[in-house]
């Protein structure tokens, strides 16, 4: 598993440090998830997520195209980005293999592996201390094989 990136075309000068990347992934609320169908057609959809410093936890509807595609081919790429003006663009791309964690759909059965991500998710999106399970969603974990990041705001400092 490689959590640091390979050299990027724009150079390491715009890469986020590990601390910058972790802070960015913690504060952002929406990511875009790319999957692939059995005939090779790409599919991209938005999801809420939490980052624990090692893995990205995605809370997905189990009756979605994304879920069905990942069941057949667990390869996944995720982008979290923001910025309006060119000099403000920043983001992180993570890729690897999705792992299904806990029951699907999630009803709240004890699953110690989900205690931390559900606690972070509940606080981040609902301001609650207990996860509200709806019987429609379940968890995917992406422990990335590759991460690329960019922060064009660093170009102004050069």
C-alpha atoms as a PDB file:
ATOM      1  CA  UNK A   1       0.000   0.000   0.000  1.00  0.00           C
ATOM      2  CA  UNK A   2       1.408   3.362  -1.026  1.00  0.00           C
ATOM      3  CA  UNK A   3      -0.233   6.310   0.671  1.00  0.00           C
ATOM      4  CA  UNK A   4       2.208   8.877  -0.645  1.00  0.00           C
ATOM      5  CA  UNK A   5       2.112   9.804  -4.284  1.00  0.00           C
ATOM      6  CA  UNK A   6       4.436   9.193  -7.165  1.00  0.00           C
ATOM      7  CA  UNK A   7       5.963  12.349  -8.669  1.00  0.00           C
ATOM      8  CA  UNK A   8       3.237  14.383 -10.343  1.00  0.00           C
ATOM      9  CA  UNK A   9       3.488  16.232 -13.651  1.00  0.00           C
ATOM     10  CA  UNK A  10       3.036  19.613 -11.990  1.00  0.00           C
ATOM     11  CA  UNK A  11       5.709  18.667  -9.531  1.00  0.00           C
ATOM     12  CA  UNK A  12       5.847  18.229  -5.831  1.00  0.00           C
ATOM     13  CA  UNK A  13       5.570  21.978  -5.340  1.00  0.00           C
ATOM     14  CA  UNK A  14       1.766  21.861  -5.401  1.00  0.00           C
ATOM     15  CA  UNK A  15       1.314  18.570  -3.556  1.00  0.00           C
ATOM     16  CA  UNK A  16      -0.335  18.738  -0.166  1.00  0.00           C
ATOM     17  CA  UNK A  17       1.722  17.557   2.768  1.00  0.00           C
ATOM     18  CA  UNK A  18       0.311  14.601   4.690  1.00  0.00           C
ATOM     19  CA  UNK A  19      -0.984  16.972   7.386  1.00  0.00           C
ATOM     20  CA  UNK A  20      -2.565  19.292   4.776  1.00  0.00           C
ATOM     21  CA  UNK A  21      -4.170  16.339   3.001  1.00  0.00           C
ATOM     22  CA  UNK A  22      -5.551  14.865   6.230  1.00  0.00           C
ATOM     23  CA  UNK A  23      -7.001  18.231   7.299  1.00  0.00           C
ATOM     24  CA  UNK A  24      -8.488  18.789   3.841  1.00  0.00           C
ATOM     25  CA  UNK A  25     -10.135  15.347   3.690  1.00  0.00           C
ATOM     26  CA  UNK A  26     -11.484  15.812   7.201  1.00  0.00           C
ATOM     27  CA  UNK A  27     -13.124  19.169   6.433  1.00  0.00           C
ATOM     28  CA  UNK A  28     -14.582  18.432   2.986  1.00  0.00           C
ATOM     29  CA  UNK A  29     -18.091  16.990   2.821  1.00  0.00           C
ATOM     30  CA  UNK A  30     -18.630  15.538  -0.662  1.00  0.00           C
ATOM     31  CA  UNK A  31     -16.565  13.294  -2.905  1.00  0.00           C
ATOM     32  CA  UNK A  32     -17.079  11.901  -6.387  1.00  0.00           C
ATOM     33  CA  UNK A  33     -16.749   8.151  -6.724  1.00  0.00           C
ATOM     34  CA  UNK A  34     -15.839   6.478 -10.017  1.00  0.00           C
ATOM     35  CA  UNK A  35     -16.657   2.835 -10.714  1.00  0.00           C
ATOM     36  CA  UNK A  36     -16.705   0.771 -13.874  1.00  0.00           C
ATOM     37  CA  UNK A  37     -19.391  -1.498 -15.303  1.00  0.00           C
ATOM     38  CA  UNK A  38     -18.774  -4.986 -16.685  1.00  0.00           C
ATOM     39  CA  UNK A  39     -18.701  -3.535 -20.231  1.00  0.00           C
ATOM     40  CA  UNK A  40     -16.124  -0.917 -19.209  1.00  0.00           C
ATOM     41  CA  UNK A  41     -18.478   2.066 -19.024  1.00  0.00           C
ATOM     42  CA  UNK A  42     -17.520   4.504 -16.255  1.00  0.00           C
ATOM     43  CA  UNK A  43     -19.979   5.726 -13.642  1.00  0.00           C
ATOM     44  CA  UNK A  44     -19.423   8.692 -11.335  1.00  0.00           C
ATOM     45  CA  UNK A  45     -21.589   9.720  -8.415  1.00  0.00           C
ATOM     46  CA  UNK A  46     -21.350  11.942  -5.353  1.00  0.00           C
ATOM     47  CA  UNK A  47     -21.192  10.571  -1.806  1.00  0.00           C
ATOM     48  CA  UNK A  48     -20.592  11.677   1.747  1.00  0.00           C
ATOM     49  CA  UNK A  49     -17.493  10.254   3.396  1.00  0.00           C
ATOM     50  CA  UNK A  50     -15.113  10.367   6.333  1.00  0.00           C
ATOM     51  CA  UNK A  51     -11.323  10.044   6.359  1.00  0.00           C
ATOM     52  CA  UNK A  52      -9.625   8.367   9.311  1.00  0.00           C
ATOM     53  CA  UNK A  53      -6.050   9.183   8.284  1.00  0.00           C
ATOM     54  CA  UNK A  54      -5.605   5.818   6.557  1.00  0.00           C
ATOM     55  CA  UNK A  55      -8.884   4.937   4.852  1.00  0.00           C
ATOM     56  CA  UNK A  56     -11.766   6.731   3.185  1.00  0.00           C
ATOM     57  CA  UNK A  57     -15.136   5.460   4.462  1.00  0.00           C
ATOM     58  CA  UNK A  58     -18.015   5.820   2.006  1.00  0.00           C
ATOM     59  CA  UNK A  59     -21.670   5.525   2.992  1.00  0.00           C
ATOM     60  CA  UNK A  60     -23.497   4.227  -0.086  1.00  0.00           C
ATOM     61  CA  UNK A  61     -27.026   3.179  -0.955  1.00  0.00           C
ATOM     62  CA  UNK A  62     -26.905  -0.589  -1.439  1.00  0.00           C
ATOM     63  CA  UNK A  63     -29.407  -0.565  -4.309  1.00  0.00           C
ATOM     64  CA  UNK A  64     -27.314   1.827  -6.386  1.00  0.00           C
ATOM     65  CA  UNK A  65     -25.485   1.255  -9.648  1.00  0.00           C
ATOM     66  CA  UNK A  66     -22.246   2.031  -7.763  1.00  0.00           C
ATOM     67  CA  UNK A  67     -22.870  -0.785  -5.245  1.00  0.00           C
ATOM     68  CA  UNK A  68     -23.711  -3.315  -7.957  1.00  0.00           C
ATOM     69  CA  UNK A  69     -20.650  -2.378 -10.007  1.00  0.00           C
ATOM     70  CA  UNK A  70     -18.331  -2.619  -6.997  1.00  0.00           C
ATOM     71  CA  UNK A  71     -19.704  -6.072  -6.196  1.00  0.00           C
ATOM     72  CA  UNK A  72     -18.532  -7.219  -9.645  1.00  0.00           C
ATOM     73  CA  UNK A  73     -15.341  -5.136  -9.835  1.00  0.00           C
ATOM     74  CA  UNK A  74     -14.146  -3.510  -6.588  1.00  0.00           C
ATOM     75  CA  UNK A  75     -11.715  -1.100  -8.274  1.00  0.00           C
ATOM     76  CA  UNK A  76     -12.570   2.474  -7.329  1.00  0.00           C
ATOM     77  CA  UNK A  77     -11.291   6.025  -7.729  1.00  0.00           C
ATOM     78  CA  UNK A  78     -12.446   8.936  -5.607  1.00  0.00           C
ATOM     79  CA  UNK A  79     -11.896  12.665  -6.042  1.00  0.00           C
ATOM     80  CA  UNK A  80     -12.422  15.319  -3.392  1.00  0.00           C
ATOM     81  CA  UNK A  81     -11.842  18.806  -4.759  1.00  0.00           C
ATOM     82  CA  UNK A  82     -12.867  22.430  -4.512  1.00  0.00           C
ATOM     83  CA  UNK A  83     -12.043  25.905  -5.778  1.00  0.00           C
ATOM     84  CA  UNK A  84     -13.604  28.359  -8.190  1.00  0.00           C
ATOM     85  CA  UNK A  85     -10.690  30.314  -9.641  1.00  0.00           C
ATOM     86  CA  UNK A  86      -7.707  28.509 -11.177  1.00  0.00           C
ATOM     87  CA  UNK A  87      -5.375  29.648  -8.408  1.00  0.00           C
ATOM     88  CA  UNK A  88      -7.741  28.285  -5.749  1.00  0.00           C
ATOM     89  CA  UNK A  89      -8.081  24.728  -7.102  1.00  0.00           C
ATOM     90  CA  UNK A  90      -7.135  21.972  -4.692  1.00  0.00           C
ATOM     91  CA  UNK A  91      -8.028  18.361  -4.232  1.00  0.00           C
ATOM     92  CA  UNK A  92      -7.122  14.754  -3.578  1.00  0.00           C
ATOM     93  CA  UNK A  93      -7.556  11.674  -5.776  1.00  0.00           C
ATOM     94  CA  UNK A  94      -7.513   8.269  -4.082  1.00  0.00           C
ATOM     95  CA  UNK A  95      -7.672   4.930  -5.865  1.00  0.00           C
ATOM     96  CA  UNK A  96      -7.616   1.274  -4.966  1.00  0.00           C
ATOM     97  CA  UNK A  97     -10.019  -1.501  -4.063  1.00  0.00           C
ATOM     98  CA  UNK A  98     -13.301  -1.028  -2.209  1.00  0.00           C
ATOM     99  CA  UNK A  99     -14.000  -3.352   0.722  1.00  0.00           C
ATOM    100  CA  UNK A 100     -17.536  -3.921   2.003  1.00  0.00           C
ATOM    101  CA  UNK A 101     -17.711  -3.577   5.802  1.00  0.00           C
ATOM    102  CA  UNK A 102     -20.615  -4.568   8.049  1.00  0.00           C
ATOM    103  CA  UNK A 103     -24.032  -5.802   7.058  1.00  0.00           C
ATOM    104  CA  UNK A 104     -25.682  -4.525   3.882  1.00  0.00           C
ATOM    105  CA  UNK A 105     -27.867  -2.679   4.252  1.00  0.00           C
ATOM    106  CA  UNK A 106     -26.624  -1.419   7.602  1.00  0.00           C
ATOM    107  CA  UNK A 107     -29.133  -1.779  10.424  1.00  0.00           C
ATOM    108  CA  UNK A 108     -26.819  -1.169  13.363  1.00  0.00           C
ATOM    109  CA  UNK A 109     -25.679  -4.696  14.221  1.00  0.00           C
ATOM    110  CA  UNK A 110     -22.534  -4.559  16.361  1.00  0.00           C
ATOM    111  CA  UNK A 111     -19.459  -4.117  14.163  1.00  0.00           C
ATOM    112  CA  UNK A 112     -16.440  -2.784  16.085  1.00  0.00           C
ATOM    113  CA  UNK A 113     -14.667  -1.871  12.826  1.00  0.00           C
ATOM    114  CA  UNK A 114     -17.456   0.650  12.126  1.00  0.00           C
ATOM    115  CA  UNK A 115     -17.473   2.316  15.556  1.00  0.00           C
ATOM    116  CA  UNK A 116     -14.932   5.017  14.649  1.00  0.00           C
ATOM    117  CA  UNK A 117     -16.133   5.825  11.105  1.00  0.00           C
ATOM    118  CA  UNK A 118     -19.786   5.903  12.170  1.00  0.00           C
ATOM    119  CA  UNK A 119     -18.913   8.198  15.079  1.00  0.00           C
ATOM    120  CA  UNK A 120     -17.030  10.587  12.771  1.00  0.00           C
ATOM    121  CA  UNK A 121     -19.748  10.428  10.106  1.00  0.00           C
ATOM    122  CA  UNK A 122     -22.593  11.045  12.548  1.00  0.00           C
ATOM    123  CA  UNK A 123     -20.860  14.075  14.051  1.00  0.00           C
ATOM    124  CA  UNK A 124     -19.760  15.504  10.685  1.00  0.00           C
ATOM    125  CA  UNK A 125     -23.090  15.277   8.861  1.00  0.00           C
ATOM    126  CA  UNK A 126     -25.780  15.159  11.534  1.00  0.00           C
ATOM    127  CA  UNK A 127     -24.236  16.689  14.653  1.00  0.00           C
ATOM    128  CA  UNK A 128     -25.335  13.587  16.575  1.00  0.00           C
ATOM    129  CA  UNK A 129     -23.557  11.049  18.740  1.00  0.00           C
ATOM    130  CA  UNK A 130     -25.392   7.960  17.487  1.00  0.00           C
ATOM    131  CA  UNK A 131     -25.611   6.775  13.890  1.00  0.00           C
ATOM    132  CA  UNK A 132     -29.143   6.904  12.430  1.00  0.00           C
ATOM    133  CA  UNK A 133     -29.424   3.708  10.370  1.00  0.00           C
ATOM    134  CA  UNK A 134     -32.014   3.823   7.586  1.00  0.00           C
ATOM    135  CA  UNK A 135     -31.746   0.244   6.295  1.00  0.00           C
ATOM    136  CA  UNK A 136     -30.772   1.524   2.819  1.00  0.00           C
ATOM    137  CA  UNK A 137     -27.070   2.377   3.167  1.00  0.00           C
ATOM    138  CA  UNK A 138     -23.936   0.414   3.982  1.00  0.00           C
ATOM    139  CA  UNK A 139     -20.217   1.025   4.306  1.00  0.00           C
ATOM    140  CA  UNK A 140     -17.371   0.816   1.816  1.00  0.00           C
ATOM    141  CA  UNK A 141     -13.759   1.269   2.893  1.00  0.00           C
ATOM    142  CA  UNK A 142     -11.068   2.469   0.521  1.00  0.00           C
ATOM    143  CA  UNK A 143      -7.555   2.096   1.841  1.00  0.00           C
ATOM    144  CA  UNK A 144      -5.862   3.715  -1.142  1.00  0.00           C
ATOM    145  CA  UNK A 145      -3.113   2.141  -3.202  1.00  0.00           C
ATOM    146  CA  UNK A 146      -2.354   5.572  -4.656  1.00  0.00           C
ATOM    147  CA  UNK A 147      -3.018   9.160  -3.619  1.00  0.00           C
ATOM    148  CA  UNK A 148      -2.421  12.306  -5.655  1.00  0.00           C
ATOM    149  CA  UNK A 149      -3.043  15.795  -4.312  1.00  0.00           C
ATOM    150  CA  UNK A 150      -2.828  19.352  -5.566  1.00  0.00           C
ATOM    151  CA  UNK A 151      -3.151  22.816  -4.096  1.00  0.00           C
ATOM    152  CA  UNK A 152      -2.791  25.526  -6.720  1.00  0.00           C
ATOM    153  CA  UNK A 153      -2.786  28.153  -3.962  1.00  0.00           C
ATOM    154  CA  UNK A 154       0.872  27.152  -3.481  1.00  0.00           C
ATOM    155  CA  UNK A 155       1.693  28.513  -6.942  1.00  0.00           C
ATOM    156  CA  UNK A 156       1.234  32.069  -5.679  1.00  0.00           C
ATOM    157  CA  UNK A 157       4.023  31.504  -3.151  1.00  0.00           C
ATOM    158  CA  UNK A 158       6.540  30.519  -5.856  1.00  0.00           C
END
